[in-house]
PDB file of N, CA and C in Angstrom:
ATOM      1  N   MET A   1       0.720  -1.088   0.180  1.00  0.00           N
ATOM      2  CA  MET A   1       0.090  -0.223  -0.029  1.00  0.00           C
ATOM      3  C   MET A   1       1.347   1.292   0.132  1.00  0.00           C
ATOM      4  N   ILE A   2       0.651   2.020  -0.893  1.00  0.00           N
ATOM      5  CA  ILE A   2       1.139   3.421  -1.206  1.00  0.00           C
ATOM      6  C   ILE A   2       0.743   4.735   0.039  1.00  0.00           C
ATOM      7  N   LYS A   3       1.927   5.434   0.642  1.00  0.00           N
ATOM      8  CA  LYS A   3       1.152   6.149   1.855  1.00  0.00           C
ATOM      9  C   LYS A   3       1.577   7.649   1.603  1.00  0.00           C
ATOM     10  N   SER A   4       1.183   8.899   2.200  1.00  0.00           N
ATOM     11  CA  SER A   4       1.625  10.195   1.575  1.00  0.00           C
ATOM     12  C   SER A   4       2.232  10.632   3.160  1.00  0.00           C
ATOM     13  N   ALA A   5       3.112  11.158   3.031  1.00  0.00           N
ATOM     14  CA  ALA A   5       3.378  12.045   4.056  1.00  0.00           C
ATOM     15  C   ALA A   5       2.893  13.050   4.702  1.00  0.00           C
ATOM     16  N   PHE A   6       1.669  13.675   3.667  1.00  0.00           N
ATOM     17  CA  PHE A   6       1.083  14.629   3.813  1.00  0.00           C
ATOM     18  C   PHE A   6      -0.441  14.246   4.125  1.00  0.00           C
ATOM     19  N   LYS A   7      -1.081  15.100   4.734  1.00  0.00           N
ATOM     20  CA  LYS A   7      -2.576  14.790   5.074  1.00  0.00           C
ATOM     21  C   LYS A   7      -3.358  15.058   3.958  1.00  0.00           C
ATOM     22  N   TYR A   8      -4.459  14.388   3.837  1.00  0.00           N
ATOM     23  CA  TYR A   8      -5.826  14.752   3.118  1.00  0.00           C
ATOM     24  C   TYR A   8      -5.361  14.548   1.673  1.00  0.00           C
ATOM     25  N   VAL A   9      -4.147  13.699   1.315  1.00  0.00           N
ATOM     26  CA  VAL A   9      -3.884  13.232  -0.246  1.00  0.00           C
ATOM     27  C   VAL A   9      -4.224  12.022  -0.479  1.00  0.00           C
ATOM     28  N   GLU A  10      -4.802  11.961  -1.501  1.00  0.00           N
ATOM     29  CA  GLU A  10      -5.512  10.576  -2.243  1.00  0.00           C
ATOM     30  C   GLU A  10      -4.249  10.045  -3.321  1.00  0.00           C
ATOM     31  N   MET A  11      -3.769   9.218  -2.503  1.00  0.00           N
ATOM     32  CA  MET A  11      -2.867   8.340  -3.540  1.00  0.00           C
ATOM     33  C   MET A  11      -3.589   7.597  -4.560  1.00  0.00           C
ATOM     34  N   ILE A  12      -2.762   7.452  -5.771  1.00  0.00           N
ATOM     35  CA  ILE A  12      -3.499   6.728  -6.859  1.00  0.00           C
ATOM     36  C   ILE A  12      -2.034   5.459  -7.139  1.00  0.00           C
ATOM     37  N   SER A  13      -2.653   4.458  -7.136  1.00  0.00           N
ATOM     38  CA  SER A  13      -1.921   3.472  -7.480  1.00  0.00           C
ATOM     39  C   SER A  13      -2.402   3.588  -9.268  1.00  0.00           C
ATOM     40  N   THR A  14      -1.331   3.225 -10.136  1.00  0.00           N
ATOM     41  CA  THR A  14      -1.179   3.271 -11.415  1.00  0.00           C
ATOM     42  C   THR A  14      -0.405   1.838 -12.153  1.00  0.00           C
ATOM     43  N   PRO A  15      -1.241   0.861 -12.128  1.00  0.00           N
ATOM     44  CA  PRO A  15      -0.479  -0.600 -12.645  1.00  0.00           C
ATOM     45  C   PRO A  15       0.317  -0.309 -14.180  1.00  0.00           C
ATOM     46  N   VAL A  16       1.313  -0.588 -14.540  1.00  0.00           N
ATOM     47  CA  VAL A  16       1.891  -0.073 -15.996  1.00  0.00           C
ATOM     48  C   VAL A  16       1.792  -1.398 -16.909  1.00  0.00           C
ATOM     49  N   ASP A  17       1.937  -2.671 -16.396  1.00  0.00           N
ATOM     50  CA  ASP A  17       1.967  -3.464 -17.148  1.00  0.00           C
ATOM     51  C   ASP A  17       2.791  -3.816 -18.578  1.00  0.00           C
ATOM     52  N   GLU A  18       3.855  -3.027 -18.256  1.00  0.00           N
ATOM     53  CA  GLU A  18       4.892  -2.773 -19.618  1.00  0.00           C
ATOM     54  C   GLU A  18       6.248  -3.187 -18.805  1.00  0.00           C
ATOM     55  N   GLU A  19       7.205  -3.460 -20.064  1.00  0.00           N
ATOM     56  CA  GLU A  19       8.426  -3.638 -19.672  1.00  0.00           C
ATOM     57  C   GLU A  19       9.216  -2.452 -19.710  1.00  0.00           C
ATOM     58  N   ILE A  20      10.070  -2.364 -18.777  1.00  0.00           N
ATOM     59  CA  ILE A  20      11.074  -1.362 -18.757  1.00  0.00           C
ATOM     60  C   ILE A  20      12.397  -1.425 -19.731  1.00  0.00           C
ATOM     61  N   THR A  21      12.228  -0.442 -20.777  1.00  0.00           N
ATOM     62  CA  THR A  21      13.312  -0.404 -21.995  1.00  0.00           C
ATOM     63  C   THR A  21      14.572  -0.205 -21.642  1.00  0.00           C
ATOM     64  N   SER A  22      14.570   1.291 -20.693  1.00  0.00           N
ATOM     65  CA  SER A  22      15.891   1.708 -20.300  1.00  0.00           C
ATOM     66  C   SER A  22      15.622   2.157 -18.752  1.00  0.00           C
ATOM     67  N   VAL A  23      16.858   2.811 -18.056  1.00  0.00           N
ATOM     68  CA  VAL A  23      16.843   3.372 -16.997  1.00  0.00           C
ATOM     69  C   VAL A  23      18.025   4.438 -17.280  1.00  0.00           C
ATOM     70  N   LYS A  24      17.567   5.751 -16.850  1.00  0.00           N
ATOM     71  CA  LYS A  24      18.714   6.846 -16.895  1.00  0.00           C
ATOM     72  C   LYS A  24      19.123   6.998 -15.514  1.00  0.00           C
ATOM     73  N   ILE A  25      20.181   6.863 -15.179  1.00  0.00           N
ATOM     74  CA  ILE A  25      20.643   7.840 -13.570  1.00  0.00           C
ATOM     75  C   ILE A  25      21.730   8.830 -14.029  1.00  0.00           C
ATOM     76  N   VAL A  26      20.719   9.988 -13.261  1.00  0.00           N
ATOM     77  CA  VAL A  26      21.610  11.335 -13.513  1.00  0.00           C
ATOM     78  C   VAL A  26      22.404  11.642 -12.241  1.00  0.00           C
ATOM     79  N   ASN A  27      23.974  11.208 -12.185  1.00  0.00           N
ATOM     80  CA  ASN A  27      24.480  11.655 -11.034  1.00  0.00           C
ATOM     81  C   ASN A  27      24.895  12.850 -11.619  1.00  0.00           C
ATOM     82  N   GLU A  28      25.367  13.727  -9.782  1.00  0.00           N
ATOM     83  CA  GLU A  28      25.872  15.236  -9.994  1.00  0.00           C
ATOM     84  C   GLU A  28      26.567  15.331  -8.905  1.00  0.00           C
ATOM     85  N   GLN A  29      27.943  15.769  -9.318  1.00  0.00           N
ATOM     86  CA  GLN A  29      28.807  15.921  -8.757  1.00  0.00           C
ATOM     87  C   GLN A  29      29.061  17.725  -8.326  1.00  0.00           C
ATOM     88  N   GLN A  30      29.000  18.290  -7.098  1.00  0.00           N
ATOM     89  CA  GLN A  30      29.245  19.423  -6.517  1.00  0.00           C
ATOM     90  C   GLN A  30      30.630  19.798  -5.999  1.00  0.00           C
ATOM     91  N   THR A  31      30.928  20.745  -6.254  1.00  0.00           N
ATOM     92  CA  THR A  31      32.362  21.264  -5.580  1.00  0.00           C
ATOM     93  C   THR A  31      32.081  22.873  -5.188  1.00  0.00           C
ATOM     94  N   MET A  32      32.993  22.806  -3.946  1.00  0.00           N
ATOM     95  CA  MET A  32      33.099  24.465  -3.360  1.00  0.00           C
ATOM     96  C   MET A  32      34.540  24.594  -3.400  1.00  0.00           C
ATOM     97  N   ALA A  33      34.780  25.556  -3.814  1.00  0.00           N
ATOM     98  CA  ALA A  33      36.546  26.334  -3.670  1.00  0.00           C
ATOM     99  C   ALA A  33      36.246  27.738  -2.614  1.00  0.00           C
ATOM    100  N   ILE A  34      37.178  27.850  -1.532  1.00  0.00           N
ATOM    101  CA  ILE A  34      37.043  28.718  -1.170  1.00  0.00           C
ATOM    102  C   ILE A  34      38.372  29.502  -1.414  1.00  0.00           C
ATOM    103  N   ASN A  35      38.600  30.560  -1.908  1.00  0.00           N
ATOM    104  CA  ASN A  35      39.784  31.364  -2.392  1.00  0.00           C
ATOM    105  C   ASN A  35      40.795  30.221  -3.224  1.00  0.00           C
ATOM    106  N   GLY A  36      40.171  29.964  -3.673  1.00  0.00           N
ATOM    107  CA  GLY A  36      41.023  28.695  -4.819  1.00  0.00           C
ATOM    108  C   GLY A  36      41.331  27.484  -4.239  1.00  0.00           C
ATOM    109  N   GLU A  37      40.974  27.593  -2.903  1.00  0.00           N
ATOM    110  CA  GLU A  37      41.277  26.027  -2.770  1.00  0.00           C
ATOM    111  C   GLU A  37      39.867  25.219  -2.576  1.00  0.00           C
ATOM    112  N   PRO A  38      40.316  23.920  -3.120  1.00  0.00           N
ATOM    113  CA  PRO A  38      38.702  22.869  -2.524  1.00  0.00           C
ATOM    114  C   PRO A  38      38.396  22.759  -1.188  1.00  0.00           C
ATOM    115  N   ALA A  39      37.145  22.975  -0.988  1.00  0.00           N
ATOM    116  CA  ALA A  39      36.707  22.854   0.236  1.00  0.00           C
ATOM    117  C   ALA A  39      35.647  21.685   0.552  1.00  0.00           C
ATOM    118  N   TYR A  40      34.966  21.229  -0.420  1.00  0.00           N
ATOM    119  CA  TYR A  40      33.624  20.482  -0.711  1.00  0.00           C
ATOM    120  C   TYR A  40      33.598  19.936  -1.763  1.00  0.00           C
ATOM    121  N   GLU A  41      33.276  18.330  -1.854  1.00  0.00           N
ATOM    122  CA  GLU A  41      32.825  17.741  -2.841  1.00  0.00           C
ATOM    123  C   GLU A  41      31.754  16.880  -2.503  1.00  0.00           C
ATOM    124  N   VAL A  42      30.756  16.833  -3.170  1.00  0.00           N
ATOM    125  CA  VAL A  42      29.672  15.680  -2.884  1.00  0.00           C
ATOM    126  C   VAL A  42      29.295  15.187  -4.328  1.00  0.00           C
ATOM    127  N   TRP A  43      28.764  13.987  -4.085  1.00  0.00           N
ATOM    128  CA  TRP A  43      28.235  12.839  -5.540  1.00  0.00           C
ATOM    129  C   TRP A  43      26.836  12.827  -4.968  1.00  0.00           C
ATOM    130  N   LEU A  44      25.838  13.148  -5.914  1.00  0.00           N
ATOM    131  CA  LEU A  44      24.132  12.524  -5.414  1.00  0.00           C
ATOM    132  C   LEU A  44      23.490  12.221  -6.208  1.00  0.00           C
ATOM    133  N   THR A  45      22.712  11.328  -6.835  1.00  0.00           N
ATOM    134  CA  THR A  45      21.759  11.368  -7.580  1.00  0.00           C
ATOM    135  C   THR A  45      20.662  11.887  -7.608  1.00  0.00           C
ATOM    136  N   ARG A  46      20.887  12.863  -8.637  1.00  0.00           N
ATOM    137  CA  ARG A  46      19.710  14.049  -8.979  1.00  0.00           C
ATOM    138  C   ARG A  46      18.513  13.275  -9.162  1.00  0.00           C
ATOM    139  N   ALA A  47      18.683  12.446 -10.264  1.00  0.00           N
ATOM    140  CA  ALA A  47      17.368  11.761 -11.016  1.00  0.00           C
ATOM    141  C   ALA A  47      17.437  10.497 -11.712  1.00  0.00           C
ATOM    142  N   ILE A  48      16.562   9.869 -11.487  1.00  0.00           N
ATOM    143  CA  ILE A  48      16.182   8.393 -12.194  1.00  0.00           C
ATOM    144  C   ILE A  48      15.303   8.751 -13.296  1.00  0.00           C
ATOM    145  N   ILE A  49      15.306   7.783 -14.237  1.00  0.00           N
ATOM    146  CA  ILE A  49      14.119   8.114 -15.264  1.00  0.00           C
ATOM    147  C   ILE A  49      14.215   6.836 -16.224  1.00  0.00           C
ATOM    148  N   PHE A  50      12.747   5.951 -16.206  1.00  0.00           N
ATOM    149  CA  PHE A  50      12.452   4.882 -16.811  1.00  0.00           C
ATOM    150  C   PHE A  50      11.755   5.100 -17.683  1.00  0.00           C
ATOM    151  N   GLU A  51      11.937   4.339 -18.826  1.00  0.00           N
ATOM    152  CA  GLU A  51      11.263   4.714 -19.869  1.00  0.00           C
ATOM    153  C   GLU A  51      10.706   3.410 -19.934  1.00  0.00           C
ATOM    154  N   VAL A  52       9.288   3.268 -19.984  1.00  0.00           N
ATOM    155  CA  VAL A  52       8.073   2.258 -20.342  1.00  0.00           C
ATOM    156  C   VAL A  52       7.313   2.466 -20.967  1.00  0.00           C
ATOM    157  N   GLY A  53       7.329   1.460 -22.427  1.00  0.00           N
ATOM    158  CA  GLY A  53       6.235   1.510 -23.345  1.00  0.00           C
ATOM    159  C   GLY A  53       6.170   2.709 -24.053  1.00  0.00           C
ATOM    160  N   GLY A  54       7.800   3.143 -24.214  1.00  0.00           N
ATOM    161  CA  GLY A  54       7.461   4.478 -25.104  1.00  0.00           C
ATOM    162  C   GLY A  54       7.602   5.665 -24.388  1.00  0.00           C
ATOM    163  N   ARG A  55       7.357   5.660 -23.184  1.00  0.00           N
ATOM    164  CA  ARG A  55       7.016   6.981 -22.220  1.00  0.00           C
ATOM    165  C   ARG A  55       7.919   7.250 -21.620  1.00  0.00           C
ATOM    166  N   GLU A  56       8.192   7.918 -20.789  1.00  0.00           N
ATOM    167  CA  GLU A  56       9.312   7.924 -19.535  1.00  0.00           C
ATOM    168  C   GLU A  56       8.598   8.652 -18.301  1.00  0.00           C
ATOM    169  N   THR A  57       9.060   8.016 -17.198  1.00  0.00           N
ATOM    170  CA  THR A  57       8.553   8.488 -15.956  1.00  0.00           C
ATOM    171  C   THR A  57       9.581   8.929 -14.861  1.00  0.00           C
ATOM    172  N   SER A  58      10.271   9.946 -14.495  1.00  0.00           N
ATOM    173  CA  SER A  58      11.376  10.622 -14.003  1.00  0.00           C
ATOM    174  C   SER A  58      10.757  11.053 -12.284  1.00  0.00           C
ATOM    175  N   PHE A  59      12.149  10.238 -11.271  1.00  0.00           N
ATOM    176  CA  PHE A  59      12.101  10.675 -10.165  1.00  0.00           C
ATOM    177  C   PHE A  59      13.172  11.669  -9.993  1.00  0.00           C
ATOM    178  N   GLU A  60      12.865  12.763  -9.421  1.00  0.00           N
ATOM    179  CA  GLU A  60      14.030  13.845  -9.539  1.00  0.00           C
ATOM    180  C   GLU A  60      14.058  14.088  -7.897  1.00  0.00           C
ATOM    181  N   LYS A  61      14.949  14.322  -7.532  1.00  0.00           N
ATOM    182  CA  LYS A  61      15.261  15.049  -6.105  1.00  0.00           C
ATOM    183  C   LYS A  61      15.532  16.450  -5.892  1.00  0.00           C
ATOM    184  N   ASP A  62      14.924  17.032  -4.995  1.00  0.00           N
ATOM    185  CA  ASP A  62      14.891  18.410  -4.829  1.00  0.00           C
ATOM    186  C   ASP A  62      16.360  18.914  -4.935  1.00  0.00           C
ATOM    187  N   THR A  63      16.405  20.307  -5.337  1.00  0.00           N
ATOM    188  CA  THR A  63      17.891  20.718  -5.667  1.00  0.00           C
ATOM    189  C   THR A  63      18.245  21.727  -4.254  1.00  0.00           C
ATOM    190  N   VAL A  64      17.353  21.719  -3.128  1.00  0.00           N
ATOM    191  CA  VAL A  64      17.470  22.170  -2.073  1.00  0.00           C
ATOM    192  C   VAL A  64      18.603  21.266  -1.311  1.00  0.00           C
ATOM    193  N   PRO A  65      19.543  21.683  -0.674  1.00  0.00           N
ATOM    194  CA  PRO A  65      20.230  20.807  -0.094  1.00  0.00           C
ATOM    195  C   PRO A  65      19.592  20.066   1.142  1.00  0.00           C
ATOM    196  N   PHE A  66      19.658  19.050   1.513  1.00  0.00           N
ATOM    197  CA  PHE A  66      18.606  18.258   2.399  1.00  0.00           C
ATOM    198  C   PHE A  66      17.613  18.037   2.256  1.00  0.00           C
ATOM    199  N   SER A  67      16.933  18.531   1.335  1.00  0.00           N
ATOM    200  CA  SER A  67      15.427  18.108   1.124  1.00  0.00           C
ATOM    201  C   SER A  67      15.079  16.605   0.770  1.00  0.00           C
ATOM    202  N   GLU A  68      14.120  16.341   1.387  1.00  0.00           N
ATOM    203  CA  GLU A  68      13.666  14.893   0.975  1.00  0.00           C
ATOM    204  C   GLU A  68      12.559  14.852  -0.246  1.00  0.00           C
ATOM    205  N   GLU A  69      12.285  16.075  -0.623  1.00  0.00           N
ATOM    206  CA  GLU A  69      11.455  15.936  -1.349  1.00  0.00           C
ATOM    207  C   GLU A  69      11.560  15.550  -3.211  1.00  0.00           C
ATOM    208  N   ILE A  70      10.822  14.790  -3.422  1.00  0.00           N
ATOM    209  CA  ILE A  70      11.027  13.969  -5.029  1.00  0.00           C
ATOM    210  C   ILE A  70       9.757  14.351  -6.000  1.00  0.00           C
ATOM    211  N   THR A  71      10.296  15.388  -6.984  1.00  0.00           N
ATOM    212  CA  THR A  71       9.753  15.857  -7.872  1.00  0.00           C
ATOM    213  C   THR A  71       9.215  14.299  -9.009  1.00  0.00           C
ATOM    214  N   ILE A  72       8.130  13.972  -9.336  1.00  0.00           N
ATOM    215  CA  ILE A  72       7.575  12.672 -10.550  1.00  0.00           C
ATOM    216  C   ILE A  72       6.931  13.353 -11.917  1.00  0.00           C
ATOM    217  N   GLN A  73       7.831  13.113 -12.617  1.00  0.00           N
ATOM    218  CA  GLN A  73       7.344  13.324 -13.916  1.00  0.00           C
ATOM    219  C   GLN A  73       6.987  12.131 -15.227  1.00  0.00           C
ATOM    220  N   ARG A  74       6.001  12.519 -16.069  1.00  0.00           N
ATOM    221  CA  ARG A  74       5.559  11.711 -17.075  1.00  0.00           C
ATOM    222  C   ARG A  74       5.759  12.113 -18.212  1.00  0.00           C
ATOM    223  N   GLY A  75       6.325  11.639 -19.148  1.00  0.00           N
ATOM    224  CA  GLY A  75       6.110  12.201 -20.334  1.00  0.00           C
ATOM    225  C   GLY A  75       7.572  11.816 -21.395  1.00  0.00           C
ATOM    226  N   TYR A  76       8.075  12.804 -22.115  1.00  0.00           N
ATOM    227  CA  TYR A  76       8.932  12.416 -23.304  1.00  0.00           C
ATOM    228  C   TYR A  76      10.166  13.286 -23.290  1.00  0.00           C
ATOM    229  N   ASP A  77      11.247  12.485 -23.418  1.00  0.00           N
ATOM    230  CA  ASP A  77      12.596  13.415 -23.235  1.00  0.00           C
ATOM    231  C   ASP A  77      12.800  14.207 -21.968  1.00  0.00           C
ATOM    232  N   LEU A  78      12.570  13.495 -20.686  1.00  0.00           N
ATOM    233  CA  LEU A  78      12.473  14.051 -19.297  1.00  0.00           C
ATOM    234  C   LEU A  78      14.040  14.494 -19.418  1.00  0.00           C
ATOM    235  N   ILE A  79      15.141  13.807 -19.678  1.00  0.00           N
ATOM    236  CA  ILE A  79      16.522  14.066 -19.524  1.00  0.00           C
ATOM    237  C   ILE A  79      16.569  15.732 -19.528  1.00  0.00           C
ATOM    238  N   ASP A  80      15.584  16.514 -20.169  1.00  0.00           N
ATOM    239  CA  ASP A  80      15.663  17.871 -20.651  1.00  0.00           C
ATOM    240  C   ASP A  80      14.833  18.425 -19.825  1.00  0.00           C
ATOM    241  N   GLN A  81      14.348  17.864 -18.607  1.00  0.00           N
ATOM    242  CA  GLN A  81      13.442  18.537 -17.739  1.00  0.00           C
ATOM    243  C   GLN A  81      13.982  18.779 -16.827  1.00  0.00           C
ATOM    244  N   ILE A  82      15.118  17.946 -16.044  1.00  0.00           N
ATOM    245  CA  ILE A  82      15.759  17.911 -15.012  1.00  0.00           C
ATOM    246  C   ILE A  82      16.470  19.591 -14.710  1.00  0.00           C
ATOM    247  N   SER A  83      15.976  19.556 -13.319  1.00  0.00           N
ATOM    248  CA  SER A  83      16.092  21.393 -12.844  1.00  0.00           C
ATOM    249  C   SER A  83      17.502  21.350 -12.989  1.00  0.00           C
ATOM    250  N   GLY A  84      18.049  22.884 -13.578  1.00  0.00           N
ATOM    251  CA  GLY A  84      19.194  23.449 -13.298  1.00  0.00           C
ATOM    252  C   GLY A  84      19.474  23.268 -11.481  1.00  0.00           C
ATOM    253  N   ASN A  85      20.583  24.118 -11.524  1.00  0.00           N
ATOM    254  CA  ASN A  85      21.355  23.946  -9.916  1.00  0.00           C
ATOM    255  C   ASN A  85      21.957  25.631  -9.845  1.00  0.00           C
ATOM    256  N   ASP A  86      20.700  26.211 -10.199  1.00  0.00           N
ATOM    257  CA  ASP A  86      21.265  27.665  -9.890  1.00  0.00           C
ATOM    258  C   ASP A  86      21.164  28.305  -8.794  1.00  0.00           C
ATOM    259  N   ASP A  87      20.304  27.799  -7.878  1.00  0.00           N
ATOM    260  CA  ASP A  87      20.563  27.840  -6.355  1.00  0.00           C
ATOM    261  C   ASP A  87      21.595  27.428  -5.918  1.00  0.00           C
ATOM    262  N   PHE A  88      22.220  26.447  -5.622  1.00  0.00           N
ATOM    263  CA  PHE A  88      23.525  26.196  -5.993  1.00  0.00           C
ATOM    264  C   PHE A  88      24.569  27.006  -5.883  1.00  0.00           C
ATOM    265  N   LEU A  89      24.990  27.516  -7.226  1.00  0.00           N
ATOM    266  CA  LEU A  89      25.537  28.431  -8.274  1.00  0.00           C
ATOM    267  C   LEU A  89      25.550  29.883  -7.526  1.00  0.00           C
ATOM    268  N   GLU A  90      24.148  30.011  -7.176  1.00  0.00           N
ATOM    269  CA  GLU A  90      24.070  31.751  -6.841  1.00  0.00           C
ATOM    270  C   GLU A  90      24.194  32.026  -5.135  1.00  0.00           C
ATOM    271  N   ALA A  91      24.124  33.315  -4.853  1.00  0.00           N
ATOM    272  CA  ALA A  91      23.844  34.006  -3.367  1.00  0.00           C
ATOM    273  C   ALA A  91      25.600  33.673  -2.417  1.00  0.00           C
ATOM    274  N   TRP A  92      26.413  33.122  -3.298  1.00  0.00           N
ATOM    275  CA  TRP A  92      27.799  32.983  -2.703  1.00  0.00           C
ATOM    276  C   TRP A  92      28.785  34.615  -2.533  1.00  0.00           C
ATOM    277  N   ASP A  93      29.505  34.766  -1.357  1.00  0.00           N
ATOM    278  CA  ASP A  93      30.616  35.774  -1.805  1.00  0.00           C
ATOM    279  C   ASP A  93      31.462  35.321  -2.457  1.00  0.00           C
ATOM    280  N   GLU A  94      32.085  36.556  -2.981  1.00  0.00           N
ATOM    281  CA  GLU A  94      33.057  36.182  -4.274  1.00  0.00           C
ATOM    282  C   GLU A  94      34.437  35.333  -3.881  1.00  0.00           C
ATOM    283  N   GLU A  95      34.427  34.965  -2.331  1.00  0.00           N
ATOM    284  CA  GLU A  95      35.446  34.189  -2.155  1.00  0.00           C
ATOM    285  C   GLU A  95      35.078  32.595  -2.423  1.00  0.00           C
ATOM    286  N   TYR A  96      33.842  32.547  -2.499  1.00  0.00           N
ATOM    287  CA  TYR A  96      33.746  30.913  -2.759  1.00  0.00           C
ATOM    288  C   TYR A  96      33.268  30.986  -4.220  1.00  0.00           C
ATOM    289  N   SER A  97      33.613  29.570  -4.968  1.00  0.00           N
ATOM    290  CA  SER A  97      33.530  29.109  -6.087  1.00  0.00           C
ATOM    291  C   SER A  97      32.769  27.878  -6.392  1.00  0.00           C
ATOM    292  N   PRO A  98      31.528  28.010  -6.378  1.00  0.00           N
ATOM    293  CA  PRO A  98      30.701  26.697  -6.314  1.00  0.00           C
ATOM    294  C   PRO A  98      30.887  26.052  -7.951  1.00  0.00           C
ATOM    295  N   ALA A  99      30.399  24.874  -8.088  1.00  0.00           N
ATOM    296  CA  ALA A  99      30.398  24.532  -9.728  1.00  0.00           C
ATOM    297  C   ALA A  99      29.979  22.867  -9.506  1.00  0.00           C
ATOM    298  N   TYR A 100      28.878  22.537 -10.462  1.00  0.00           N
ATOM    299  CA  TYR A 100      28.714  21.574 -10.319  1.00  0.00           C
ATOM    300  C   TYR A 100      28.845  20.545 -12.006  1.00  0.00           C
ATOM    301  N   LYS A 101      28.772  19.264 -12.403  1.00  0.00           N
ATOM    302  CA  LYS A 101      28.424  18.609 -13.259  1.00  0.00           C
ATOM    303  C   LYS A 101      27.900  17.559 -13.282  1.00  0.00           C
ATOM    304  N   ARG A 102      27.219  17.225 -14.205  1.00  0.00           N
ATOM    305  CA  ARG A 102      26.059  16.035 -14.112  1.00  0.00           C
ATOM    306  C   ARG A 102      26.700  14.793 -15.063  1.00  0.00           C
ATOM    307  N   GLU A 103      26.579  13.470 -14.887  1.00  0.00           N
ATOM    308  CA  GLU A 103      26.737  12.553 -15.942  1.00  0.00           C
ATOM    309  C   GLU A 103      25.597  11.656 -15.655  1.00  0.00           C
ATOM    310  N   VAL A 104      24.832  11.205 -17.013  1.00  0.00           N
ATOM    311  CA  VAL A 104      23.806  10.426 -17.217  1.00  0.00           C
ATOM    312  C   VAL A 104      24.377   8.704 -16.959  1.00  0.00           C
ATOM    313  N   VAL A 105      24.122   7.896 -16.523  1.00  0.00           N
ATOM    314  CA  VAL A 105      24.307   6.535 -16.455  1.00  0.00           C
ATOM    315  C   VAL A 105      23.224   5.714 -17.597  1.00  0.00           C
ATOM    316  N   VAL A 106      22.941   5.055 -18.717  1.00  0.00           N
ATOM    317  CA  VAL A 106      22.152   4.412 -18.789  1.00  0.00           C
ATOM    318  C   VAL A 106      22.279   2.984 -18.829  1.00  0.00           C
ATOM    319  N   VAL A 107      21.134   2.427 -18.279  1.00  0.00           N
ATOM    320  CA  VAL A 107      20.694   0.739 -18.059  1.00  0.00           C
ATOM    321  C   VAL A 107      20.211   0.586 -19.063  1.00  0.00           C
ATOM    322  N   LYS A 108      20.304  -0.400 -20.100  1.00  0.00           N
ATOM    323  CA  LYS A 108      19.326  -0.960 -20.956  1.00  0.00           C
ATOM    324  C   LYS A 108      19.183  -2.686 -20.843  1.00  0.00           C
TER     325      LYS A 108
END
């Protein structure tokens, strides 16, 4: 049985009855330098995208650090819909140099 952490939310079960034809795992490396010296590095999985019956379903972790929220989308070419990381890159004093890069691992 599926449950929501929120009150008064109706959860809907949608059986797929199709074969998963591809899985894309979007990994992200975030780094931070302070005055040019490396100070922080973390790898995380930003999203997982399942292709089923020609359509895709994505599960994407929120870009807010330590958030447990996951956004679910359905459609096509969802790799292009993954959120940018502008929140991580902005609002730092000039001595901080944030950066991130992503890699996509495809499992067929």
